[in-house]
Amino acid sequence: SIIPKCPFHTIACENIEKFQAGNCSKCSNSNFCIKFGFHSFESYEEIFGFNIADKPLSSFLFTSEFPPFCQIHHKVEVKISSNFDGDIGKLKIKIIGKSLTSHEIELNKKEIHFNPGKIYTFFIASEDVGEVEGAILNYDYSLSALRIYAEQLHVEFITIETLESGRKIKLCTKDGMHLKSYKDSQLKEEFC
């Protein structure tokens, strides 16, 4: 963290559960973003001034299990189409950036029922891909659920907000967001 290749930001939050749920997914006057490691005091001082003892702070970050360990934080919102019965399963995403494409990331660890018209919010981290340009979304339907559904998910759009840059992008698929089970769907801003 002395000469970082990516921002290494921590996010102030009341507790780890709220952080992981994405309740503190934006840098603001109440959710401070502070550099981690060697530069943390300098970053803290910019926000609070010199008296560090008066302002105790709990802050969190996602890290990778592999070097260089630094991760970029993303808030992903998935809007399910209202013209759809819903389905049960898991979503996975690869974030496409100017520099590279991320590894595949599970948005929901456990199967959930995706209800029509609802927006689902996920807080994830990826390697630094550069400015987000698109995504690849994959839907795995539930094999344990009674199959009264069509084994596909109808997504109206997704948004990806990158915490470190503050940039938010809206993405859609070319074919109207019918995600077929176990098949990758590419999403781009120009498809919206």
Protein backbone atom coordinates (compact mmCIF):
# COMPACT_ATOMS: atom_id res chain seq x y z
CA SER A 1 0.00 0.00 0.00
CA ILE A 2 3.05 2.32 -0.09
CA ILE A 3 3.00 2.82 -3.88
CA PRO A 4 -0.38 1.36 -4.83
CA LYS A 5 -1.31 0.55 -8.43
CA CYS A 6 -4.98 0.92 -7.55
CA PRO A 7 -6.76 3.21 -5.04
CA PHE A 8 -7.03 0.82 -2.04
CA HIS A 9 -10.00 2.71 -0.55
CA THR A 10 -11.72 1.74 2.67
CA ILE A 11 -15.33 2.79 3.23
CA ALA A 12 -16.61 4.01 6.57
CA CYS A 13 -19.59 1.98 7.71
CA GLU A 14 -21.31 1.15 11.00
CA ASN A 15 -20.48 -2.56 10.74
CA ILE A 16 -19.24 -5.26 8.36
CA GLU A 17 -22.74 -6.62 7.70
CA LYS A 18 -23.98 -3.24 6.45
CA PHE A 19 -20.83 -2.84 4.35
CA GLN A 20 -21.24 -6.27 2.71
CA ALA A 21 -24.93 -5.57 2.04
CA GLY A 22 -23.96 -2.42 0.14
CA ASN A 23 -25.50 0.01 2.63
CA CYS A 24 -22.30 2.06 2.60
CA SER A 25 -21.51 1.84 -1.09
CA LYS A 26 -20.90 5.50 -1.85
CA CYS A 27 -18.31 8.03 -0.74
CA SER A 28 -20.22 10.88 0.93
CA ASN A 29 -20.29 13.11 4.01
CA SER A 30 -21.60 10.15 6.06
CA ASN A 31 -19.69 7.32 4.33
CA PHE A 32 -16.11 8.52 4.20
CA CYS A 33 -13.66 6.86 1.83
CA ILE A 34 -10.16 6.70 3.23
CA LYS A 35 -7.02 5.36 1.61
CA PHE A 36 -5.79 2.14 3.16
CA GLY A 37 -2.33 1.50 4.57
CA PHE A 38 0.63 3.84 4.38
CA HIS A 39 -1.43 6.81 3.13
CA SER A 40 -4.36 6.37 5.54
CA PHE A 41 -3.38 9.06 8.05
CA GLU A 42 -2.91 11.61 5.26
CA SER A 43 -6.34 10.71 3.85
CA TYR A 44 -7.97 10.81 7.32
CA GLU A 45 -6.38 14.18 8.01
CA GLU A 46 -7.85 15.64 4.80
CA ILE A 47 -11.35 14.70 5.99
CA PHE A 48 -11.21 15.31 9.75
CA GLY A 49 -8.20 17.51 10.41
CA PHE A 50 -5.37 16.73 12.83
CA ASN A 51 -7.18 15.42 15.93
CA ILE A 52 -7.53 11.72 15.12
CA ALA A 53 -8.55 10.68 18.67
CA ASP A 54 -11.85 12.62 18.51
CA LYS A 55 -13.18 10.78 15.47
CA PRO A 56 -12.92 6.98 15.81
CA LEU A 57 -13.94 5.30 12.59
CA SER A 58 -14.79 1.79 11.40
CA SER A 59 -14.01 1.31 7.73
CA PHE A 60 -13.91 -1.72 5.47
CA LEU A 61 -12.72 -2.87 2.05
CA PHE A 62 -12.80 -5.96 -0.12
CA THR A 63 -9.47 -7.57 -0.93
CA SER A 64 -8.38 -10.33 -3.27
CA GLU A 65 -6.77 -13.56 -2.15
CA PHE A 66 -4.09 -12.98 -4.81
CA PRO A 67 -1.46 -10.23 -5.17
CA PRO A 68 -1.70 -7.29 -5.48
CA PHE A 69 -4.82 -7.81 -3.24
CA CYS A 70 -6.34 -4.43 -4.14
CA GLN A 71 -9.94 -4.50 -5.38
CA ILE A 72 -12.24 -1.89 -6.90
CA HIS A 73 -15.74 -1.64 -5.35
CA HIS A 74 -18.89 -1.72 -7.51
CA LYS A 75 -22.56 -1.29 -6.71
CA VAL A 76 -24.54 -3.33 -9.25
CA GLU A 77 -28.30 -2.85 -9.64
CA VAL A 78 -30.31 -5.34 -11.70
CA LYS A 79 -33.83 -4.29 -12.79
CA ILE A 80 -36.08 -7.28 -13.53
CA SER A 81 -38.69 -6.69 -16.24
CA SER A 82 -42.30 -6.22 -15.13
CA ASN A 83 -43.46 -8.35 -18.09
CA PHE A 84 -42.09 -11.55 -16.61
CA ASP A 85 -43.23 -14.18 -14.12
CA GLY A 86 -39.93 -14.32 -12.21
CA ASP A 87 -37.52 -17.17 -11.68
CA ILE A 88 -35.21 -18.66 -9.05
CA GLY A 89 -31.45 -18.77 -9.50
CA LYS A 90 -28.09 -17.01 -9.36
CA LEU A 91 -26.55 -14.20 -11.36
CA LYS A 92 -22.85 -13.92 -12.24
CA ILE A 93 -21.08 -10.99 -13.86
CA LYS A 94 -17.81 -10.16 -15.61
CA ILE A 95 -17.09 -6.44 -15.73
CA ILE A 96 -15.60 -5.20 -19.01
CA GLY A 97 -13.29 -2.23 -18.63
CA LYS A 98 -10.95 -0.23 -20.85
CA SER A 99 -7.96 -2.17 -19.48
CA LEU A 100 -9.30 -5.74 -19.11
CA THR A 101 -12.27 -7.94 -18.22
CA SER A 102 -12.73 -9.08 -14.61
CA HIS A 103 -12.98 -12.66 -13.47
CA GLU A 104 -16.54 -14.01 -13.06
CA ILE A 105 -18.16 -12.74 -9.85
CA GLU A 106 -21.26 -14.20 -8.19
CA LEU A 107 -23.77 -11.42 -7.54
CA ASN A 108 -25.85 -13.59 -5.21
CA LYS A 109 -24.20 -16.46 -3.34
CA LYS A 110 -27.52 -18.17 -2.58
CA GLU A 111 -30.36 -18.75 -5.02
CA ILE A 112 -33.04 -16.09 -4.84
CA HIS A 113 -36.45 -15.61 -6.42
CA PHE A 114 -36.19 -12.73 -8.89
CA ASN A 115 -39.58 -10.97 -8.78
CA PRO A 116 -40.97 -8.95 -11.70
CA GLY A 117 -40.44 -5.18 -11.58
CA LYS A 118 -37.99 -5.33 -8.68
CA ILE A 119 -34.47 -3.85 -8.52
CA TYR A 120 -31.84 -6.06 -6.87
CA THR A 121 -28.71 -4.41 -5.47
CA PHE A 122 -25.36 -6.14 -5.05
CA PHE A 123 -22.07 -4.78 -3.70
CA ILE A 124 -19.04 -6.51 -5.20
CA ALA A 125 -15.36 -6.01 -5.89
CA SER A 126 -13.17 -6.78 -8.87
CA GLU A 127 -9.63 -6.28 -10.00
CA ASP A 128 -9.00 -2.83 -11.50
CA VAL A 129 -10.44 -3.10 -15.03
CA GLY A 130 -10.17 0.62 -15.80
CA GLU A 131 -13.24 2.62 -16.77
CA VAL A 132 -16.27 0.30 -17.00
CA GLU A 133 -17.52 -0.09 -20.59
CA GLY A 134 -19.78 -3.13 -20.38
CA ALA A 135 -20.51 -6.44 -18.71
CA ILE A 136 -21.18 -10.09 -19.35
CA LEU A 137 -24.10 -11.44 -17.33
CA ASN A 138 -24.82 -15.12 -16.77
CA TYR A 139 -27.95 -16.61 -15.20
CA ASP A 140 -27.97 -20.04 -13.53
CA TYR A 141 -31.54 -21.15 -12.86
CA SER A 142 -32.37 -23.29 -9.85
CA LEU A 143 -32.19 -27.02 -10.48
CA SER A 144 -33.99 -27.69 -7.20
CA ALA A 145 -37.03 -25.52 -7.91
CA LEU A 146 -40.20 -26.90 -9.44
CA ARG A 147 -39.70 -25.90 -13.07
CA ILE A 148 -42.84 -23.88 -13.76
CA TYR A 149 -40.65 -21.09 -15.10
CA ALA A 150 -39.04 -20.69 -18.52
CA GLU A 151 -35.42 -21.13 -17.34
CA GLN A 152 -34.59 -17.58 -18.34
CA LEU A 153 -34.51 -14.22 -16.68
CA HIS A 154 -35.90 -11.03 -18.20
CA VAL A 155 -33.72 -8.11 -17.14
CA GLU A 156 -34.71 -4.58 -18.17
CA PHE A 157 -31.26 -3.09 -17.47
CA ILE A 158 -28.37 -3.09 -15.03
CA THR A 159 -26.32 -0.23 -13.63
CA ILE A 160 -22.75 -0.43 -12.37
CA GLU A 161 -21.51 2.35 -10.10
CA THR A 162 -17.79 2.30 -9.35
CA LEU A 163 -17.14 3.68 -5.88
CA GLU A 164 -13.56 4.81 -6.43
CA SER A 165 -14.36 6.90 -9.55
CA GLY A 166 -17.98 7.77 -8.76
CA ARG A 167 -18.89 6.81 -12.35
CA LYS A 168 -22.23 5.09 -13.01
CA ILE A 169 -23.13 3.35 -16.26
CA LYS A 170 -26.44 1.85 -17.47
CA LEU A 171 -26.15 -1.32 -19.56
CA CYS A 172 -28.59 -3.40 -21.64
CA THR A 173 -28.40 -6.45 -23.92
CA LYS A 174 -28.87 -6.22 -27.65
CA ASP A 175 -31.82 -8.63 -27.66
CA GLY A 176 -33.93 -7.04 -24.92
CA MET A 177 -32.44 -8.72 -21.85
CA HIS A 178 -33.72 -12.27 -22.12
CA LEU A 179 -30.97 -14.07 -20.25
CA LYS A 180 -31.00 -17.72 -21.24
CA SER A 181 -29.89 -20.10 -18.51
CA TYR A 182 -26.19 -20.92 -18.44
CA LYS A 183 -25.38 -18.66 -21.45
CA ASP A 184 -23.38 -15.44 -21.35
CA SER A 185 -25.15 -12.23 -22.41
CA GLN A 186 -23.13 -9.15 -23.28
CA LEU A 187 -24.38 -5.78 -22.04
CA LYS A 188 -23.36 -2.38 -23.41
CA GLU A 189 -24.38 1.22 -22.87
CA GLU A 190 -25.29 1.66 -26.56
CA PHE A 191 -27.83 -1.21 -26.34
CA CYS A 192 -30.04 0.82 -23.95
